[in-house]
């Protein structure tokens, strides 16, 4: 699968999830959810591309202690998922 197709699918999935999360608050925030979900998907795609090839950002590949970049992406994604769940849970609990 080409990178551009993968990126487009990722953006639509992120925008859909953002729309679903923001539709909990009300119909006024659906456009913001669409935008921020798509923005998060773009940033996630960039982080994934950098984790696969650190030379994109000028990072020296030989200095990384992890031989498998997929492991680094998985651990980073797991930590990011945990932080996101905690933030969403606390923001819904405030009201």
PDB file of N, CA and C in Angstrom:
ATOM      1  N   UNK A   1       0.847  -1.171   0.000  1.00  0.00           N
ATOM      2  CA  UNK A   1       0.000   0.000   0.000  1.00  0.00           C
ATOM      3  C   UNK A   1       0.899   1.244   0.000  1.00  0.00           C
ATOM      4  N   UNK A   2       0.563   2.193  -0.829  1.00  0.00           N
ATOM      5  CA  UNK A   2       1.331   3.424  -0.918  1.00  0.00           C
ATOM      6  C   UNK A   2       1.176   4.241   0.362  1.00  0.00           C
ATOM      7  N   UNK A   3       2.183   5.060   0.638  1.00  0.00           N
ATOM      8  CA  UNK A   3       2.157   5.890   1.836  1.00  0.00           C
ATOM      9  C   UNK A   3       1.022   6.901   1.784  1.00  0.00           C
ATOM     10  N   UNK A   4       0.744   7.464   0.614  1.00  0.00           N
ATOM     11  CA  UNK A   4      -0.308   8.475   0.511  1.00  0.00           C
ATOM     12  C   UNK A   4      -1.690   7.866   0.769  1.00  0.00           C
ATOM     13  N   UNK A   5      -1.916   6.644   0.308  1.00  0.00           N
ATOM     14  CA  UNK A   5      -3.195   5.975   0.558  1.00  0.00           C
ATOM     15  C   UNK A   5      -3.328   5.651   2.042  1.00  0.00           C
ATOM     16  N   UNK A   6      -2.257   5.165   2.632  1.00  0.00           N
ATOM     17  CA  UNK A   6      -2.262   4.861   4.064  1.00  0.00           C
ATOM     18  C   UNK A   6      -2.501   6.119   4.885  1.00  0.00           C
ATOM     19  N   UNK A   7      -1.899   7.216   4.488  1.00  0.00           N
ATOM     20  CA  UNK A   7      -2.076   8.487   5.188  1.00  0.00           C
ATOM     21  C   UNK A   7      -3.525   8.977   5.077  1.00  0.00           C
ATOM     22  N   UNK A   8      -4.111   8.861   3.902  1.00  0.00           N
ATOM     23  CA  UNK A   8      -5.501   9.298   3.710  1.00  0.00           C
ATOM     24  C   UNK A   8      -6.466   8.454   4.536  1.00  0.00           C
ATOM     25  N   UNK A   9      -6.247   7.154   4.568  1.00  0.00           N
ATOM     26  CA  UNK A   9      -7.102   6.283   5.384  1.00  0.00           C
ATOM     27  C   UNK A   9      -6.953   6.640   6.860  1.00  0.00           C
ATOM     28  N   UNK A  10      -5.724   6.886   7.286  1.00  0.00           N
ATOM     29  CA  UNK A  10      -5.460   7.262   8.669  1.00  0.00           C
ATOM     30  C   UNK A  10      -6.145   8.573   9.034  1.00  0.00           C
ATOM     31  N   UNK A  11      -6.124   9.547   8.142  1.00  0.00           N
ATOM     32  CA  UNK A  11      -6.760  10.836   8.410  1.00  0.00           C
ATOM     33  C   UNK A  11      -8.270  10.671   8.534  1.00  0.00           C
ATOM     34  N   UNK A  12      -8.878   9.891   7.670  1.00  0.00           N
ATOM     35  CA  UNK A  12     -10.334   9.711   7.748  1.00  0.00           C
ATOM     36  C   UNK A  12     -10.742   8.949   9.003  1.00  0.00           C
ATOM     37  N   UNK A  13      -9.941   7.977   9.409  1.00  0.00           N
ATOM     38  CA  UNK A  13     -10.245   7.266  10.647  1.00  0.00           C
ATOM     39  C   UNK A  13     -10.114   8.208  11.843  1.00  0.00           C
ATOM     40  N   UNK A  14      -9.052   9.011  11.877  1.00  0.00           N
ATOM     41  CA  UNK A  14      -8.864   9.971  12.965  1.00  0.00           C
ATOM     42  C   UNK A  14      -9.957  11.020  13.008  1.00  0.00           C
ATOM     43  N   UNK A  15     -10.356  11.525  11.850  1.00  0.00           N
ATOM     44  CA  UNK A  15     -11.420  12.520  11.806  1.00  0.00           C
ATOM     45  C   UNK A  15     -12.750  11.924  12.257  1.00  0.00           C
ATOM     46  N   UNK A  16     -12.992  10.679  11.905  1.00  0.00           N
ATOM     47  CA  UNK A  16     -14.238  10.027  12.332  1.00  0.00           C
ATOM     48  C   UNK A  16     -14.259   9.815  13.837  1.00  0.00           C
ATOM     49  N   UNK A  17     -13.147   9.383  14.400  1.00  0.00           N
ATOM     50  CA  UNK A  17     -13.086   9.191  15.848  1.00  0.00           C
ATOM     51  C   UNK A  17     -13.205  10.529  16.570  1.00  0.00           C
ATOM     52  N   UNK A  18     -12.555  11.560  16.060  1.00  0.00           N
ATOM     53  CA  UNK A  18     -12.689  12.894  16.658  1.00  0.00           C
ATOM     54  C   UNK A  18     -14.114  13.403  16.605  1.00  0.00           C
ATOM     55  N   UNK A  19     -14.805  13.148  15.508  1.00  0.00           N
ATOM     56  CA  UNK A  19     -16.204  13.551  15.390  1.00  0.00           C
ATOM     57  C   UNK A  19     -17.072  12.803  16.384  1.00  0.00           C
ATOM     58  N   UNK A  20     -16.823  11.509  16.552  1.00  0.00           N
ATOM     59  CA  UNK A  20     -17.602  10.730  17.515  1.00  0.00           C
ATOM     60  C   UNK A  20     -17.380  11.205  18.945  1.00  0.00           C
ATOM     61  N   UNK A  21     -16.123  11.474  19.308  1.00  0.00           N
ATOM     62  CA  UNK A  21     -15.838  11.929  20.658  1.00  0.00           C
ATOM     63  C   UNK A  21     -16.459  13.293  20.934  1.00  0.00           C
ATOM     64  N   UNK A  22     -16.378  14.198  19.975  1.00  0.00           N
ATOM     65  CA  UNK A  22     -16.905  15.543  20.207  1.00  0.00           C
ATOM     66  C   UNK A  22     -18.418  15.603  20.076  1.00  0.00           C
ATOM     67  N   UNK A  23     -19.033  14.622  19.436  1.00  0.00           N
ATOM     68  CA  UNK A  23     -20.491  14.638  19.358  1.00  0.00           C
ATOM     69  C   UNK A  23     -21.119  14.296  20.706  1.00  0.00           C
ATOM     70  N   UNK A  24     -20.324  13.808  21.655  1.00  0.00           N
ATOM     71  CA  UNK A  24     -20.833  13.554  23.001  1.00  0.00           C
ATOM     72  C   UNK A  24     -21.219  14.868  23.665  1.00  0.00           C
ATOM     73  N   UNK A  25     -20.433  15.912  23.441  1.00  0.00           N
ATOM     74  CA  UNK A  25     -20.680  17.207  24.061  1.00  0.00           C
ATOM     75  C   UNK A  25     -21.853  17.951  23.430  1.00  0.00           C
ATOM     76  N   UNK A  26     -22.076  17.800  22.162  1.00  0.00           N
ATOM     77  CA  UNK A  26     -23.152  18.519  21.484  1.00  0.00           C
ATOM     78  C   UNK A  26     -22.838  18.683  20.016  1.00  0.00           C
ATOM     79  N   UNK A  27     -23.823  19.089  19.266  1.00  0.00           N
ATOM     80  CA  UNK A  27     -23.638  19.165  17.827  1.00  0.00           C
ATOM     81  C   UNK A  27     -22.761  20.337  17.415  1.00  0.00           C
ATOM     82  N   UNK A  28     -22.565  21.338  18.285  1.00  0.00           N
ATOM     83  CA  UNK A  28     -21.730  22.485  17.925  1.00  0.00           C
ATOM     84  C   UNK A  28     -20.255  22.116  17.819  1.00  0.00           C
ATOM     85  N   UNK A  29     -19.836  21.102  18.508  1.00  0.00           N
ATOM     86  CA  UNK A  29     -18.416  20.773  18.533  1.00  0.00           C
ATOM     87  C   UNK A  29     -18.025  19.691  17.526  1.00  0.00           C
ATOM     88  N   UNK A  30     -18.927  19.286  16.669  1.00  0.00           N
ATOM     89  CA  UNK A  30     -18.618  18.229  15.708  1.00  0.00           C
ATOM     90  C   UNK A  30     -17.550  18.675  14.708  1.00  0.00           C
ATOM     91  N   UNK A  31     -17.607  19.916  14.243  1.00  0.00           N
ATOM     92  CA  UNK A  31     -16.599  20.403  13.292  1.00  0.00           C
ATOM     93  C   UNK A  31     -15.221  20.462  13.947  1.00  0.00           C
ATOM     94  N   UNK A  32     -15.166  20.871  15.209  1.00  0.00           N
ATOM     95  CA  UNK A  32     -13.883  20.903  15.927  1.00  0.00           C
ATOM     96  C   UNK A  32     -13.342  19.489  16.098  1.00  0.00           C
ATOM     97  N   UNK A  33     -14.213  18.537  16.398  1.00  0.00           N
ATOM     98  CA  UNK A  33     -13.783  17.151  16.539  1.00  0.00           C
ATOM     99  C   UNK A  33     -13.241  16.588  15.245  1.00  0.00           C
ATOM    100  N   UNK A  34     -13.891  16.917  14.133  1.00  0.00           N
ATOM    101  CA  UNK A  34     -13.413  16.477  12.822  1.00  0.00           C
ATOM    102  C   UNK A  34     -12.017  17.032  12.551  1.00  0.00           C
ATOM    103  N   UNK A  35     -11.842  18.327  12.816  1.00  0.00           N
ATOM    104  CA  UNK A  35     -10.556  18.978  12.568  1.00  0.00           C
ATOM    105  C   UNK A  35      -9.460  18.409  13.464  1.00  0.00           C
ATOM    106  N   UNK A  36      -9.710  18.339  14.756  1.00  0.00           N
ATOM    107  CA  UNK A  36      -8.681  17.886  15.688  1.00  0.00           C
ATOM    108  C   UNK A  36      -8.392  16.392  15.548  1.00  0.00           C
ATOM    109  N   UNK A  37      -9.375  15.600  15.183  1.00  0.00           N
ATOM    110  CA  UNK A  37      -9.128  14.187  14.918  1.00  0.00           C
ATOM    111  C   UNK A  37      -8.244  13.996  13.696  1.00  0.00           C
ATOM    112  N   UNK A  38      -8.516  14.767  12.644  1.00  0.00           N
ATOM    113  CA  UNK A  38      -7.665  14.706  11.452  1.00  0.00           C
ATOM    114  C   UNK A  38      -6.262  15.204  11.725  1.00  0.00           C
ATOM    115  N   UNK A  39      -6.149  16.249  12.534  1.00  0.00           N
ATOM    116  CA  UNK A  39      -4.835  16.781  12.890  1.00  0.00           C
ATOM    117  C   UNK A  39      -4.035  15.766  13.699  1.00  0.00           C
ATOM    118  N   UNK A  40      -4.694  15.098  14.634  1.00  0.00           N
ATOM    119  CA  UNK A  40      -4.015  14.065  15.419  1.00  0.00           C
ATOM    120  C   UNK A  40      -3.578  12.903  14.532  1.00  0.00           C
ATOM    121  N   UNK A  41      -4.382  12.560  13.543  1.00  0.00           N
ATOM    122  CA  UNK A  41      -4.011  11.476  12.626  1.00  0.00           C
ATOM    123  C   UNK A  41      -2.798  11.856  11.786  1.00  0.00           C
ATOM    124  N   UNK A  42      -2.729  13.106  11.353  1.00  0.00           N
ATOM    125  CA  UNK A  42      -1.562  13.560  10.589  1.00  0.00           C
ATOM    126  C   UNK A  42      -0.312  13.510  11.450  1.00  0.00           C
ATOM    127  N   UNK A  43      -0.429  13.963  12.706  1.00  0.00           N
ATOM    128  CA  UNK A  43       0.733  13.925  13.594  1.00  0.00           C
ATOM    129  C   UNK A  43       1.149  12.491  13.895  1.00  0.00           C
ATOM    130  N   UNK A  44       0.176  11.595  14.057  1.00  0.00           N
ATOM    131  CA  UNK A  44       0.500  10.189  14.287  1.00  0.00           C
ATOM    132  C   UNK A  44       1.199   9.561  13.098  1.00  0.00           C
ATOM    133  N   UNK A  45       0.777   9.935  11.904  1.00  0.00           N
ATOM    134  CA  UNK A  45       1.426   9.433  10.694  1.00  0.00           C
ATOM    135  C   UNK A  45       2.865   9.927  10.611  1.00  0.00           C
ATOM    136  N   UNK A  46       3.081  11.183  10.976  1.00  0.00           N
ATOM    137  CA  UNK A  46       4.449  11.717  10.957  1.00  0.00           C
ATOM    138  C   UNK A  46       5.333  11.033  11.989  1.00  0.00           C
ATOM    139  N   UNK A  47       4.792  10.766  13.180  1.00  0.00           N
ATOM    140  CA  UNK A  47       5.572  10.070  14.209  1.00  0.00           C
ATOM    141  C   UNK A  47       5.914   8.659  13.750  1.00  0.00           C
ATOM    142  N   UNK A  48       4.952   7.994  13.123  1.00  0.00           N
ATOM    143  CA  UNK A  48       5.208   6.642  12.618  1.00  0.00           C
ATOM    144  C   UNK A  48       6.255   6.635  11.519  1.00  0.00           C
ATOM    145  N   UNK A  49       6.198   7.598  10.625  1.00  0.00           N
ATOM    146  CA  UNK A  49       7.193   7.666   9.547  1.00  0.00           C
ATOM    147  C   UNK A  49       8.580   7.949  10.105  1.00  0.00           C
ATOM    148  N   UNK A  50       8.654   8.789  11.135  1.00  0.00           N
ATOM    149  CA  UNK A  50       9.933   9.090  11.756  1.00  0.00           C
ATOM    150  C   UNK A  50      10.472   7.894  12.527  1.00  0.00           C
ATOM    151  N   UNK A  51       9.577   7.129  13.147  1.00  0.00           N
ATOM    152  CA  UNK A  51      10.029   5.953  13.891  1.00  0.00           C
ATOM    153  C   UNK A  51      10.564   4.876  12.950  1.00  0.00           C
ATOM    154  N   UNK A  52       9.973   4.764  11.778  1.00  0.00           N
ATOM    155  CA  UNK A  52      10.453   3.777  10.804  1.00  0.00           C
ATOM    156  C   UNK A  52      11.773   4.222  10.186  1.00  0.00           C
ATOM    157  N   UNK A  53      11.898   5.522   9.891  1.00  0.00           N
ATOM    158  CA  UNK A  53      13.123   6.035   9.285  1.00  0.00           C
ATOM    159  C   UNK A  53      13.538   7.313  10.013  1.00  0.00           C
ATOM    160  N   UNK A  54      14.354   7.210  11.064  1.00  0.00           N
ATOM    161  CA  UNK A  54      14.744   8.392  11.833  1.00  0.00           C
ATOM    162  C   UNK A  54      15.572   9.399  11.037  1.00  0.00           C
ATOM    163  N   UNK A  55      16.103   9.002   9.910  1.00  0.00           N
ATOM    164  CA  UNK A  55      16.898   9.922   9.098  1.00  0.00           C
ATOM    165  C   UNK A  55      16.040  11.038   8.493  1.00  0.00           C
ATOM    166  N   UNK A  56      14.714  10.881   8.516  1.00  0.00           N
ATOM    167  CA  UNK A  56      13.835  11.935   8.007  1.00  0.00           C
ATOM    168  C   UNK A  56      13.992  13.230   8.800  1.00  0.00           C
ATOM    169  N   UNK A  57      14.273  13.107  10.087  1.00  0.00           N
ATOM    170  CA  UNK A  57      14.451  14.278  10.950  1.00  0.00           C
ATOM    171  C   UNK A  57      15.911  14.577  11.226  1.00  0.00           C
ATOM    172  N   UNK A  58      16.797  13.898  10.569  1.00  0.00           N
ATOM    173  CA  UNK A  58      18.217  14.117  10.776  1.00  0.00           C
ATOM    174  C   UNK A  58      18.769  13.365  11.976  1.00  0.00           C
ATOM    175  N   UNK A  59      18.023  12.407  12.510  1.00  0.00           N
ATOM    176  CA  UNK A  59      18.500  11.621  13.638  1.00  0.00           C
ATOM    177  C   UNK A  59      19.421  10.521  13.130  1.00  0.00           C
ATOM    178  N   UNK A  60      20.538  10.306  13.790  1.00  0.00           N
ATOM    179  CA  UNK A  60      21.426   9.224  13.353  1.00  0.00           C
ATOM    180  C   UNK A  60      20.834   7.859  13.700  1.00  0.00           C
ATOM    181  N   UNK A  61      20.700   7.015  12.717  1.00  0.00           N
ATOM    182  CA  UNK A  61      20.086   5.707  12.911  1.00  0.00           C
ATOM    183  C   UNK A  61      20.956   4.821  13.790  1.00  0.00           C
ATOM    184  N   UNK A  62      22.259   4.949  13.705  1.00  0.00           N
ATOM    185  CA  UNK A  62      23.150   4.066  14.454  1.00  0.00           C
ATOM    186  C   UNK A  62      23.127   4.344  15.949  1.00  0.00           C
ATOM    187  N   UNK A  63      22.620   5.487  16.391  1.00  0.00           N
ATOM    188  CA  UNK A  63      22.610   5.837  17.808  1.00  0.00           C
ATOM    189  C   UNK A  63      21.396   5.280  18.544  1.00  0.00           C
ATOM    190  N   UNK A  64      20.428   4.732  17.822  1.00  0.00           N
ATOM    191  CA  UNK A  64      19.238   4.214  18.477  1.00  0.00           C
ATOM    192  C   UNK A  64      19.538   2.879  19.148  1.00  0.00           C
ATOM    193  N   UNK A  65      19.119   2.722  20.419  1.00  0.00           N
ATOM    194  CA  UNK A  65      19.408   1.461  21.110  1.00  0.00           C
ATOM    195  C   UNK A  65      18.474   0.317  20.706  1.00  0.00           C
ATOM    196  N   UNK A  66      17.389   0.622  20.012  1.00  0.00           N
ATOM    197  CA  UNK A  66      16.409  -0.400  19.645  1.00  0.00           C
ATOM    198  C   UNK A  66      16.649  -0.815  18.195  1.00  0.00           C
ATOM    199  N   UNK A  67      16.809  -2.112  17.986  1.00  0.00           N
ATOM    200  CA  UNK A  67      17.061  -2.613  16.635  1.00  0.00           C
ATOM    201  C   UNK A  67      15.791  -2.665  15.797  1.00  0.00           C
ATOM    202  N   UNK A  68      14.652  -2.849  16.439  1.00  0.00           N
ATOM    203  CA  UNK A  68      13.385  -2.974  15.725  1.00  0.00           C
ATOM    204  C   UNK A  68      12.563  -1.703  15.910  1.00  0.00           C
ATOM    205  N   UNK A  69      12.427  -0.873  14.886  1.00  0.00           N
ATOM    206  CA  UNK A  69      11.657   0.366  15.050  1.00  0.00           C
ATOM    207  C   UNK A  69      10.174   0.106  15.294  1.00  0.00           C
ATOM    208  N   UNK A  70       9.672  -1.052  14.892  1.00  0.00           N
ATOM    209  CA  UNK A  70       8.274  -1.376  15.156  1.00  0.00           C
ATOM    210  C   UNK A  70       7.998  -1.497  16.644  1.00  0.00           C
ATOM    211  N   UNK A  71       8.968  -1.976  17.387  1.00  0.00           N
ATOM    212  CA  UNK A  71       8.842  -2.065  18.837  1.00  0.00           C
ATOM    213  C   UNK A  71       8.762  -0.677  19.455  1.00  0.00           C
ATOM    214  N   UNK A  72       9.580   0.234  18.964  1.00  0.00           N
ATOM    215  CA  UNK A  72       9.562   1.603  19.479  1.00  0.00           C
ATOM    216  C   UNK A  72       8.217   2.270  19.180  1.00  0.00           C
ATOM    217  N   UNK A  73       7.694   2.061  17.992  1.00  0.00           N
ATOM    218  CA  UNK A  73       6.395   2.636  17.644  1.00  0.00           C
ATOM    219  C   UNK A  73       5.302   2.040  18.515  1.00  0.00           C
ATOM    220  N   UNK A  74       5.354   0.751  18.756  1.00  0.00           N
ATOM    221  CA  UNK A  74       4.342   0.102  19.591  1.00  0.00           C
ATOM    222  C   UNK A  74       4.353   0.597  21.022  1.00  0.00           C
ATOM    223  N   UNK A  75       5.526   0.722  21.604  1.00  0.00           N
ATOM    224  CA  UNK A  75       5.636   1.209  22.985  1.00  0.00           C
ATOM    225  C   UNK A  75       5.197   2.663  23.067  1.00  0.00           C
ATOM    226  N   UNK A  76       5.628   3.479  22.109  1.00  0.00           N
ATOM    227  CA  UNK A  76       5.217   4.884  22.098  1.00  0.00           C
ATOM    228  C   UNK A  76       3.708   5.009  21.934  1.00  0.00           C
ATOM    229  N   UNK A  77       3.132   4.210  21.059  1.00  0.00           N
ATOM    230  CA  UNK A  77       1.680   4.240  20.861  1.00  0.00           C
ATOM    231  C   UNK A  77       0.921   3.801  22.091  1.00  0.00           C
ATOM    232  N   UNK A  78       1.437   2.808  22.795  1.00  0.00           N
ATOM    233  CA  UNK A  78       0.794   2.335  24.015  1.00  0.00           C
ATOM    234  C   UNK A  78       0.817   3.400  25.107  1.00  0.00           C
ATOM    235  N   UNK A  79       1.942   4.062  25.268  1.00  0.00           N
ATOM    236  CA  UNK A  79       2.037   5.142  26.256  1.00  0.00           C
ATOM    237  C   UNK A  79       1.115   6.296  25.865  1.00  0.00           C
ATOM    238  N   UNK A  80       1.106   6.647  24.595  1.00  0.00           N
ATOM    239  CA  UNK A  80       0.247   7.738  24.125  1.00  0.00           C
ATOM    240  C   UNK A  80      -1.225   7.390  24.289  1.00  0.00           C
ATOM    241  N   UNK A  81      -1.593   6.152  24.044  1.00  0.00           N
ATOM    242  CA  UNK A  81      -2.970   5.720  24.239  1.00  0.00           C
ATOM    243  C   UNK A  81      -3.379   5.827  25.703  1.00  0.00           C
ATOM    244  N   UNK A  82      -2.506   5.400  26.598  1.00  0.00           N
ATOM    245  CA  UNK A  82      -2.809   5.492  28.025  1.00  0.00           C
ATOM    246  C   UNK A  82      -2.996   6.925  28.487  1.00  0.00           C
ATOM    247  N   UNK A  83      -2.128   7.816  28.050  1.00  0.00           N
ATOM    248  CA  UNK A  83      -2.251   9.230  28.424  1.00  0.00           C
ATOM    249  C   UNK A  83      -3.529   9.824  27.851  1.00  0.00           C
ATOM    250  N   UNK A  84      -3.866   9.493  26.618  1.00  0.00           N
ATOM    251  CA  UNK A  84      -5.078  10.012  25.995  1.00  0.00           C
ATOM    252  C   UNK A  84      -6.330   9.526  26.716  1.00  0.00           C
ATOM    253  N   UNK A  85      -6.372   8.256  27.065  1.00  0.00           N
ATOM    254  CA  UNK A  85      -7.530   7.719  27.782  1.00  0.00           C
ATOM    255  C   UNK A  85      -7.684   8.405  29.130  1.00  0.00           C
ATOM    256  N   UNK A  86      -6.596   8.613  29.838  1.00  0.00           N
ATOM    257  CA  UNK A  86      -6.679   9.299  31.128  1.00  0.00           C
ATOM    258  C   UNK A  86      -7.151  10.739  30.980  1.00  0.00           C
ATOM    259  N   UNK A  87      -6.677  11.435  29.951  1.00  0.00           N
ATOM    260  CA  UNK A  87      -7.103  12.817  29.736  1.00  0.00           C
ATOM    261  C   UNK A  87      -8.574  12.912  29.365  1.00  0.00           C
ATOM    262  N   UNK A  88      -9.033  12.034  28.486  1.00  0.00           N
ATOM    263  CA  UNK A  88     -10.447  12.042  28.100  1.00  0.00           C
ATOM    264  C   UNK A  88     -11.321  11.675  29.285  1.00  0.00           C
ATOM    265  N   UNK A  89     -10.907  10.696  30.060  1.00  0.00           N
ATOM    266  CA  UNK A  89     -11.672  10.280  31.234  1.00  0.00           C
ATOM    267  C   UNK A  89     -11.763  11.406  32.252  1.00  0.00           C
ATOM    268  N   UNK A  90     -10.657  12.112  32.492  1.00  0.00           N
ATOM    269  CA  UNK A  90     -10.692  13.204  33.457  1.00  0.00           C
ATOM    270  C   UNK A  90     -11.480  14.394  32.928  1.00  0.00           C
ATOM    271  N   UNK A  91     -11.438  14.651  31.628  1.00  0.00           N
ATOM    272  CA  UNK A  91     -12.196  15.785  31.095  1.00  0.00           C
ATOM    273  C   UNK A  91     -13.694  15.523  31.108  1.00  0.00           C
ATOM    274  N   UNK A  92     -14.110  14.286  30.966  1.00  0.00           N
ATOM    275  CA  UNK A  92     -15.531  13.975  31.032  1.00  0.00           C
ATOM    276  C   UNK A  92     -16.028  13.933  32.474  1.00  0.00           C
ATOM    277  N   UNK A  93     -15.127  13.723  33.419  1.00  0.00           N
ATOM    278  CA  UNK A  93     -15.498  13.640  34.827  1.00  0.00           C
ATOM    279  C   UNK A  93     -15.656  15.029  35.461  1.00  0.00           C
ATOM    280  N   UNK A  94     -15.063  16.060  34.883  1.00  0.00           N
ATOM    281  CA  UNK A  94     -15.055  17.401  35.466  1.00  0.00           C
ATOM    282  C   UNK A  94     -16.474  17.978  35.535  1.00  0.00           C
ATOM    283  N   UNK A  95     -17.285  17.760  34.557  1.00  0.00           N
ATOM    284  CA  UNK A  95     -18.606  18.387  34.515  1.00  0.00           C
ATOM    285  C   UNK A  95     -19.516  17.888  35.569  1.00  0.00           C
TER     286      UNK A  95
END
